[in-house]
Protein backbone atom coordinates (compact mmCIF):
# COMPACT_ATOMS: atom_id res chain seq x y z
CA MET A 1 126.46 140.39 145.84
CA LYS A 2 127.70 137.59 148.27
CA ILE A 3 130.87 138.61 150.37
CA LEU A 4 132.89 136.38 152.61
CA LEU A 5 134.54 138.45 155.28
CA VAL A 6 137.65 136.66 157.08
CA ASP A 7 139.10 138.53 160.02
CA ASP A 8 140.24 137.34 163.47
CA SER A 9 139.26 140.61 165.28
CA ARG A 10 135.57 139.99 166.01
CA SER A 11 134.95 143.59 166.84
CA ALA A 12 136.43 144.82 163.69
CA ALA A 13 134.74 142.24 161.61
CA VAL A 14 131.57 143.25 162.87
CA VAL A 15 132.04 146.86 162.01
CA PHE A 16 133.37 146.19 158.45
CA ALA A 17 130.48 143.70 157.93
CA GLU A 18 128.03 146.34 158.58
CA ARG A 19 129.43 148.79 156.34
CA LEU A 20 129.19 146.18 153.56
CA ARG A 21 125.79 145.09 154.36
CA ALA A 22 124.82 149.02 154.16
CA PHE A 23 125.69 148.60 150.29
CA GLY A 24 123.08 145.86 149.89
CA ASN A 25 125.54 143.07 150.16
CA GLU A 26 124.88 139.70 151.81
CA VAL A 27 127.98 139.01 154.20
CA ALA A 28 129.31 135.87 155.85
CA VAL A 29 131.92 136.21 158.48
CA ALA A 30 134.95 133.74 159.38
CA HIS A 31 137.55 134.38 161.99
CA ASP A 32 140.42 132.42 160.97
CA GLY A 33 141.86 131.17 157.54
CA ARG A 34 140.88 127.61 158.04
CA GLU A 35 137.30 128.49 158.94
CA GLY A 36 137.50 131.14 156.00
CA VAL A 37 138.25 128.00 153.61
CA GLU A 38 135.36 125.97 154.96
CA GLN A 39 132.95 129.01 154.62
CA PHE A 40 134.20 129.64 150.98
CA GLN A 41 133.24 126.11 150.20
CA ARG A 42 129.95 126.24 151.68
CA PHE A 43 128.99 129.88 150.82
CA ALA A 44 130.35 130.09 147.25
CA PRO A 45 131.01 134.05 147.56
CA ASP A 46 131.47 136.61 144.76
CA LEU A 47 134.03 138.35 146.73
CA VAL A 48 136.51 137.42 149.58
CA LEU A 49 137.73 139.88 151.81
CA MET A 50 140.85 138.36 153.64
CA ASP A 51 142.61 139.45 156.61
CA ILE A 52 146.55 138.68 156.54
CA GLU A 53 147.65 137.88 160.06
CA MET A 54 145.42 135.23 161.67
CA PRO A 55 145.60 132.41 164.14
CA VAL A 56 145.33 128.64 163.08
CA MET A 57 145.84 129.71 159.38
CA ASP A 58 147.06 132.95 157.78
CA GLY A 59 145.26 134.78 154.85
CA PHE A 60 148.09 133.69 152.44
CA GLU A 61 147.69 130.03 153.11
CA ALA A 62 144.02 130.38 153.08
CA THR A 63 143.97 131.86 149.54
CA ARG A 64 146.22 129.25 148.34
CA GLN A 65 143.95 126.65 149.51
CA ILE A 66 140.77 128.47 148.09
CA ARG A 67 142.56 128.59 144.57
CA ALA A 68 143.59 124.82 144.78
CA PHE A 69 139.78 124.11 145.81
CA GLU A 70 138.56 126.44 142.86
CA ALA A 71 140.76 124.57 140.32
CA ALA A 72 139.84 121.01 141.62
CA GLN A 73 136.00 121.88 141.28
CA GLN A 74 136.49 123.95 138.23
CA TRP A 75 134.86 126.86 139.91
CA ALA A 76 135.06 130.53 138.23
CA TRP A 77 137.77 132.56 139.82
CA THR A 78 136.62 134.59 142.69
CA PRO A 79 138.25 138.05 143.50
CA ILE A 80 140.01 137.97 146.78
CA LEU A 81 140.93 141.43 148.24
CA PHE A 82 143.46 141.42 151.29
CA LEU A 83 142.66 143.78 154.36
CA THR A 84 145.51 145.24 156.16
CA SER A 85 146.60 147.86 158.54
CA VAL A 86 150.02 148.28 156.88
CA GLY A 87 150.24 148.32 153.10
CA THR A 88 153.85 147.34 152.91
CA ASP A 89 155.31 146.24 149.50
CA ASP A 90 156.27 142.96 150.87
CA ASN A 91 152.62 142.49 151.94
CA VAL A 92 151.50 143.43 148.33
CA ILE A 93 153.84 141.09 146.51
CA ALA A 94 153.11 138.20 149.08
CA ALA A 95 149.39 139.00 148.62
CA ILE A 96 149.70 138.73 144.77
CA GLU A 97 151.88 135.52 144.71
CA ALA A 98 149.23 133.73 147.16
CA GLY A 99 146.55 134.26 144.63
CA GLY A 100 145.06 137.51 145.82
CA ASP A 101 144.02 140.36 143.54
CA GLU A 102 144.31 143.44 145.49
CA LEU A 103 145.33 145.05 148.91
CA ILE A 104 143.06 147.69 150.71
CA ALA A 105 143.18 149.14 154.12
CA LYS A 106 140.88 148.25 156.94
CA ASN A 107 140.11 152.00 157.58
CA VAL A 108 139.45 152.60 153.92
CA PRO A 109 137.18 155.76 153.50
CA GLU A 110 133.49 155.07 152.94
CA GLY A 111 133.69 156.54 149.33
CA VAL A 112 136.47 154.66 148.17
CA LEU A 113 134.90 151.41 149.73
CA ARG A 114 131.57 152.33 148.00
CA ALA A 115 133.47 152.78 144.64
CA LYS A 116 135.37 149.45 145.13
CA MET A 117 132.07 147.42 145.88
CA MET A 118 130.39 148.93 142.85
CA ALA A 119 133.39 147.80 140.82
CA MET A 120 133.23 144.39 142.67
CA THR A 121 129.64 144.17 141.74
CA ARG A 122 130.07 144.70 138.15
CA ILE A 123 132.84 141.94 138.08
CA ALA A 124 130.44 139.50 140.15
CA ALA A 125 127.71 140.17 137.39
CA LEU A 126 130.21 139.27 134.74
CA ARG A 127 131.29 136.25 136.65
CA HIS A 128 127.98 135.04 137.10
CA GLU A 129 127.60 135.43 133.18
CA VAL A 130 130.45 133.54 132.70
CA ILE A 131 129.31 130.85 135.15
CA GLU A 132 126.14 130.65 133.39
CA ALA A 133 127.74 130.49 129.91
CA ASN A 134 130.16 127.72 130.96
CA ARG A 135 127.15 125.93 132.64
CA GLN A 136 125.33 126.35 129.53
CA LEU A 137 128.36 125.09 127.39
CA ALA A 138 128.73 122.20 129.72
CA GLU A 139 125.02 121.29 129.25
CA ASP A 140 125.36 121.67 125.49
CA ILE A 141 128.27 119.35 125.46
CA ARG A 142 126.37 116.78 127.39
CA LEU A 143 123.58 116.99 125.11
CA ARG A 144 125.78 116.82 122.12
CA GLU A 145 127.54 113.79 123.60
CA LEU A 146 124.22 112.10 124.18
CA ALA A 147 123.10 112.92 120.57
CA GLU A 148 126.30 111.63 119.30
CA ALA A 149 125.76 108.29 121.52
CA GLU A 150 122.31 108.05 120.35
CA LEU A 151 123.24 108.66 116.63
CA ALA A 152 126.03 106.01 117.16
CA CYS A 153 123.60 103.59 118.56
CA ARG A 154 121.21 104.35 115.55
CA CYS A 155 124.21 103.93 113.15
CA ASP A 156 124.82 100.33 114.78
CA GLU A 157 121.19 99.62 114.44
CA LEU A 158 121.16 100.69 111.02
CA SER A 159 124.11 98.72 110.09
CA GLU A 160 122.73 95.60 111.82
CA VAL A 161 119.43 96.07 109.97
CA ASN A 162 121.47 96.50 106.51
CA THR A 163 123.37 93.36 107.37
CA LYS A 164 119.99 91.47 108.05
CA LEU A 165 118.61 92.83 105.01
CA ALA A 166 121.59 91.58 102.84
CA ARG A 167 121.29 88.21 104.51
CA VAL A 168 117.71 87.88 103.74
CA GLN A 169 118.17 89.13 100.16
CA GLY A 170 120.91 86.62 99.57
CA GLN A 171 118.85 83.82 101.22
CA LEU A 172 115.73 84.82 99.02
CA ILE A 173 118.21 84.83 95.95
CA GLN A 174 119.57 81.55 96.71
CA SER A 175 116.16 79.99 97.63
CA GLU A 176 114.65 81.35 94.29
CA LYS A 177 117.82 80.05 92.45
CA MET A 178 117.44 76.54 94.05
CA ALA A 179 113.62 76.63 93.18
CA SER A 180 114.41 77.57 89.50
CA ILE A 181 117.04 74.96 89.42
CA GLY A 182 114.67 72.41 90.98
CA GLN A 183 112.01 73.06 88.48
CA LEU A 184 114.44 72.93 85.53
CA ALA A 185 115.71 69.73 86.90
CA ALA A 186 112.17 68.17 87.11
CA GLY A 187 111.40 69.58 83.59
CA VAL A 188 114.48 67.93 82.25
CA ALA A 189 113.71 64.82 83.95
CA HIS A 190 110.17 64.54 82.63
CA GLN A 191 111.21 65.61 79.15
CA VAL A 192 114.08 63.08 79.08
CA ASN A 193 112.28 60.24 80.59
CA THR A 194 109.80 59.47 77.38
CA PRO A 195 112.92 59.24 74.94
CA LEU A 196 114.80 57.21 77.39
CA ALA A 197 111.86 54.61 77.70
CA TYR A 198 111.77 54.50 73.82
CA VAL A 199 115.44 54.01 73.42
CA HIS A 200 115.50 51.33 76.17
CA ALA A 201 112.75 49.45 74.53
CA THR A 202 114.31 49.72 71.10
CA ILE A 203 117.59 48.40 72.24
CA GLY A 204 115.71 45.42 73.68
CA THR A 205 114.11 45.02 70.27
CA LEU A 206 117.38 45.51 68.37
CA LEU A 207 119.16 42.83 70.40
CA GLN A 208 116.23 40.45 69.83
CA ASN A 209 116.69 41.29 66.09
CA VAL A 210 120.19 40.76 66.17
CA GLN A 211 119.64 37.21 67.86
CA GLN A 212 117.26 36.37 65.05
CA LEU A 213 119.51 37.50 62.34
CA LEU A 214 122.28 35.39 63.96
CA GLY A 215 120.12 32.32 64.09
CA LEU A 216 119.30 32.97 60.56
CA VAL A 217 123.03 33.13 59.63
CA GLY A 218 123.65 29.70 61.76
CA ALA A 219 120.89 28.12 59.73
CA TYR A 220 122.53 29.41 56.44
CA ASP A 221 125.75 27.84 57.56
CA GLU A 222 124.12 24.54 57.85
CA ALA A 223 122.37 24.87 54.60
CA VAL A 224 125.61 25.80 52.65
CA LYS A 225 127.39 22.65 53.54
CA ASP A 226 125.47 20.99 50.57
CA LEU A 227 126.64 23.62 48.12
CA PRO A 228 129.45 22.88 45.28
CA PRO A 229 132.97 23.34 46.45
CA GLU A 230 133.22 26.53 44.35
CA ARG A 231 130.41 28.13 45.87
CA LEU A 232 131.19 26.89 49.42
CA ASP A 233 134.74 28.78 49.10
CA ARG A 234 133.04 32.06 48.22
CA VAL A 235 130.58 31.58 51.37
CA ALA A 236 133.84 30.78 53.71
CA ALA A 237 135.69 33.97 52.08
CA CYS A 238 132.61 36.13 53.28
CA HIS A 239 132.75 34.55 56.69
CA ARG A 240 136.48 35.21 57.05
CA TYR A 241 135.84 38.97 56.12
CA ILE A 242 132.73 39.70 58.14
CA ASP A 243 133.88 37.55 61.13
CA VAL A 244 130.19 36.69 62.31
CA GLU A 245 131.52 35.44 65.63
CA ARG A 246 133.19 38.77 66.51
CA LEU A 247 130.12 40.62 65.39
CA ALA A 248 127.88 38.58 67.47
CA ALA A 249 129.95 38.95 70.74
CA GLU A 250 130.36 42.74 70.06
CA ALA A 251 126.61 43.14 69.38
CA GLU A 252 125.71 41.40 72.51
CA ARG A 253 128.33 43.59 74.56
CA LEU A 254 127.42 46.75 73.21
CA GLY A 255 123.61 46.04 73.62
CA ARG A 256 124.16 45.02 77.37
CA GLU A 257 126.29 48.12 78.08
CA SER A 258 123.91 50.44 76.24
CA ARG A 259 120.98 48.97 78.38
CA GLU A 260 122.97 49.46 81.79
CA ASN A 261 123.99 53.16 80.81
CA ILE A 262 120.27 54.16 79.75
CA GLU A 263 119.17 52.45 83.03
CA ARG A 264 121.77 54.56 84.70
CA VAL A 265 120.43 57.91 82.97
CA ARG A 266 116.92 56.71 83.84
CA LYS A 267 118.11 56.46 87.69
CA ILE A 268 119.51 59.91 87.48
CA ALA A 269 116.26 61.44 85.87
CA HIS A 270 114.11 59.76 88.71
CA SER A 271 116.55 61.05 91.11
CA LEU A 272 116.19 64.71 89.54
CA ARG A 273 112.64 64.33 89.94
CA GLU A 274 112.62 62.86 93.43
CA PHE A 275 115.11 65.82 94.54
CA ALA A 276 113.06 68.60 92.95
CA GLN A 277 109.44 67.18 94.00
CA THR A 278 107.87 70.03 92.10
CA GLY A 279 104.57 68.48 91.83
CA ALA A 280 103.93 69.37 95.63
CA ALA A 281 106.53 72.08 96.20
CA GLY A 282 105.64 74.13 99.20
CA ARG A 283 103.16 71.77 100.53
CA TRP A 284 104.00 69.97 103.91
CA ARG A 285 103.52 66.11 103.67
CA PHE A 286 104.90 62.98 105.05
CA ALA A 287 108.28 61.85 103.12
CA ASP A 288 110.94 59.06 103.23
CA LEU A 289 114.02 61.03 104.37
CA HIS A 290 116.03 58.09 103.39
CA ARG A 291 114.85 58.50 99.68
CA GLY A 292 115.75 61.96 99.72
CA ILE A 293 119.20 61.19 100.95
CA ASP A 294 119.56 58.46 98.13
CA ALA A 295 118.23 60.75 95.49
CA THR A 296 120.67 63.52 96.32
CA LEU A 297 123.63 61.10 96.24
CA GLU A 298 122.58 59.83 92.94
CA LEU A 299 122.61 63.36 91.67
CA LEU A 300 125.95 64.20 93.10
CA GLY A 301 127.32 61.10 91.62
CA SER A 302 131.12 60.90 90.80
CA GLU A 303 131.26 64.44 92.76
CA VAL A 304 131.26 62.63 95.96
CA SER A 305 131.91 59.02 94.96
CA ASP A 306 135.30 59.97 93.33
CA LYS A 307 136.41 61.46 96.72
CA ALA A 308 134.96 59.46 99.31
CA ASP A 309 133.47 56.22 100.34
CA VAL A 310 129.64 56.65 101.53
CA ILE A 311 128.74 54.18 104.24
CA ARG A 312 124.98 54.14 105.03
CA GLN A 313 123.99 53.20 108.34
CA TYR A 314 120.22 53.80 108.13
CA GLY A 315 117.75 53.17 111.13
CA GLU A 316 114.13 52.49 110.86
CA LEU A 317 112.76 56.01 110.54
CA PRO A 318 109.06 56.80 110.00
CA GLU A 319 108.01 59.22 107.53
CA VAL A 320 108.35 62.83 108.54
CA GLU A 321 106.08 65.64 108.01
CA CYS A 322 108.24 68.24 106.09
CA LEU A 323 108.89 69.82 102.90
CA PRO A 324 110.99 67.30 101.23
CA GLU A 325 112.50 69.62 98.66
CA GLN A 326 114.04 71.88 101.08
CA LEU A 327 115.40 68.97 103.34
CA ASN A 328 116.90 67.61 99.91
CA GLN A 329 118.73 71.04 99.87
CA VAL A 330 120.26 70.47 103.21
CA PHE A 331 121.33 67.00 102.54
CA MET A 332 123.19 68.24 99.32
CA ALA A 333 124.78 71.16 101.28
CA LEU A 334 126.09 68.76 104.09
CA LEU A 335 127.39 66.16 101.46
CA VAL A 336 129.12 68.90 99.56
CA ASN A 337 130.59 70.37 102.75
CA ALA A 338 131.93 66.97 103.68
CA GLU A 339 133.44 66.35 100.16
CA HIS A 340 135.19 69.77 100.33
CA ALA A 341 136.79 68.66 103.78
CA PHE A 342 138.91 65.91 102.08
CA GLY A 343 141.15 68.05 99.82
CA LYS A 344 142.95 65.69 97.48
CA ALA A 345 142.91 62.74 99.80
CA ARG A 346 140.26 59.96 99.53
CA GLY A 347 137.82 60.00 102.70
CA GLN A 348 134.82 58.29 104.17
CA ILE A 349 131.22 59.87 104.73
CA THR A 350 129.09 58.08 107.12
CA ILE A 351 125.44 58.71 107.13
CA ARG A 352 123.41 57.52 110.25
CA SER A 353 120.02 57.77 111.34
CA GLY A 354 117.61 56.92 114.24
CA VAL A 355 114.55 57.63 116.30
CA GLY A 356 114.18 59.66 119.21
CA LYS A 357 110.98 60.69 121.35
CA ASP A 358 108.46 62.10 118.83
CA SER A 359 111.68 62.91 116.65
CA VAL A 360 114.04 61.42 114.09
CA TRP A 361 117.89 62.20 113.70
CA ILE A 362 120.36 61.94 111.07
CA GLU A 363 124.14 62.38 111.10
CA PHE A 364 126.50 63.41 108.34
CA ALA A 365 130.06 62.49 109.55
CA ASP A 366 133.47 62.67 107.72
CA ASN A 367 136.95 61.72 108.47
CA GLY A 368 138.29 65.06 106.74
CA CYS A 369 140.46 67.94 108.21
CA GLY A 370 138.25 69.11 110.52
CA MET A 371 137.39 72.66 111.76
CA PRO A 372 139.22 75.12 114.17
CA ASP A 373 137.04 76.65 116.97
CA ASP A 374 136.83 79.98 115.27
CA VAL A 375 135.53 78.49 112.03
CA ARG A 376 133.29 76.18 113.80
CA ARG A 377 131.53 79.02 115.80
CA ARG A 378 130.86 80.83 112.38
CA ILE A 379 129.88 77.83 110.08
CA PHE A 380 126.20 78.79 110.03
CA ASP A 381 126.73 82.44 109.49
CA PRO A 382 125.48 83.88 106.05
CA PHE A 383 128.11 84.55 103.60
CA PHE A 384 130.96 82.89 105.79
CA THR A 385 133.05 80.43 103.69
CA THR A 386 136.66 79.05 103.83
CA LEU A 387 136.51 78.41 99.99
CA PRO A 388 138.53 80.60 97.66
CA ALA A 389 136.91 83.71 96.26
CA GLY A 390 134.45 82.68 93.44
CA LYS A 391 134.04 79.23 94.71
CA GLY A 392 131.10 79.85 97.16
CA LEU A 393 128.71 82.23 98.46
CA GLY A 394 128.80 81.07 102.12
CA LEU A 395 124.96 80.55 102.02
CA GLY A 396 124.62 76.59 101.82
CA LEU A 397 124.91 75.84 105.49
CA SER A 398 123.17 79.30 106.57
CA LEU A 399 120.36 78.23 104.54
CA SER A 400 120.43 74.79 105.84
CA TYR A 401 120.44 75.91 109.24
CA GLY A 402 117.37 78.27 108.47
CA ILE A 403 115.48 75.34 106.82
CA ILE A 404 115.98 72.88 109.81
CA ARG A 405 114.83 75.80 112.16
CA SER A 406 111.73 76.49 110.18
CA HIS A 407 111.09 72.67 110.54
CA GLY A 408 111.14 72.97 114.24
CA GLY A 409 114.34 71.07 114.39
CA THR A 410 117.95 71.64 115.23
CA LEU A 411 121.24 71.50 113.20
CA VAL A 412 124.42 71.18 115.29
CA VAL A 413 128.02 70.37 114.46
CA ASP A 414 130.87 68.77 116.28
CA SER A 415 134.26 69.21 114.85
CA ALA A 416 137.96 69.48 115.67
CA VAL A 417 141.15 69.73 113.41
CA GLY A 418 142.41 66.40 112.66
CA ARG A 419 139.22 64.30 113.51
CA GLY A 420 136.70 65.43 110.91
CA SER A 421 133.16 66.94 111.38
CA ARG A 422 129.72 65.56 112.45
CA PHE A 423 126.60 67.42 111.55
CA ARG A 424 123.44 66.21 113.31
CA ILE A 425 120.06 67.14 112.37
CA THR A 426 116.96 66.58 114.53
CA LEU A 427 113.37 66.88 113.23
CA PRO A 428 109.97 66.41 114.75
CA VAL A 429 108.13 63.51 113.14
CA ARG A 430 104.99 65.81 112.98
CA GLN A 431 104.71 69.52 112.59
CA GLY A 432 102.52 71.18 115.41
CA GLY A 433 101.00 73.95 113.08
CA ALA A 434 102.27 73.11 109.67
CA GLY A 435 99.68 71.72 107.26
């Protein structure tokens, strides 16, 4: 057992220390209260034997400082026995109030001292067990906190992985959906094209036939002038009833409008095929980006034209190595996004293009409501949308961003509330490793 003996009498301290060592204890000696406090902090004893009356600092103040140090350092309680020549009641009370545990006489008989040291040794053993248990408990708490922190980190990682998986799954679903729509659109355009060509040619033939019939009616009108009056009156009555001039004008108008609308449907069918381009889907090739934009605008039709004036300020672009069907999806997403920015008011969409060093750029600018900073920063995040629930998945611009990145390009946005938005695409003319 480690014992700290604090006594200002050097001779008495020597004698008492030898008595304690005779019982197999390790003894450190201090000769005043301040030295005793310092020795306690360095020596960390299992028992303190403290004299009461000492110079510099008495035993009571030294005990109070030891107890304060133990509390601050969260040390286990150390038994402190006061040594005294006079065991008065006042000394006993003061010793206990100062934080001591017992009062013993300096001239305590050898047998009593041995018995007390045996009791203190048992207490010291229990104290060490408590200290070790507390140390082990602190280590267990530390390990548990580390494990909880690691678990929280793993949970965050798992949550991030799940978010990425959901994002990828959504993108795959959207891509599959767009691919299916593209194949369907191309199939419909192909199937519609043949009967459209037939109807277009038939209307032309029908108009020619009508003109021939009208010519025949004119010839009959000339011929009937030589008929007897009674038969001429009958022909005139038929003319009044049928109104040939009105029928001729209406036939010409209907034929012209029919041909115009059929031509419009043929353009839509052609735009569908141009937009989908399923014949070479998934294959990198050189394409005219302006044709893709025009085809997309043709497909959107009144969805855009009813809400905005579209101004095309095309530059001279070279053909770009790309996946055209994917870029057409990007053009559609940006045009639809611009159309949503106008609300109920009519707006303007300006499409510009130009050439950079080994690259081309295309801008889609609108004069709509614009975006606040918090929306602009998240505009390319998957599943982020400002539309009401059920109006959009929030994948259009996210997919567009991914498509442009996969082409080795960039897609950036400049927007502010009240001044509209401008999306700028930059693409390399040639792909480094694509083919």
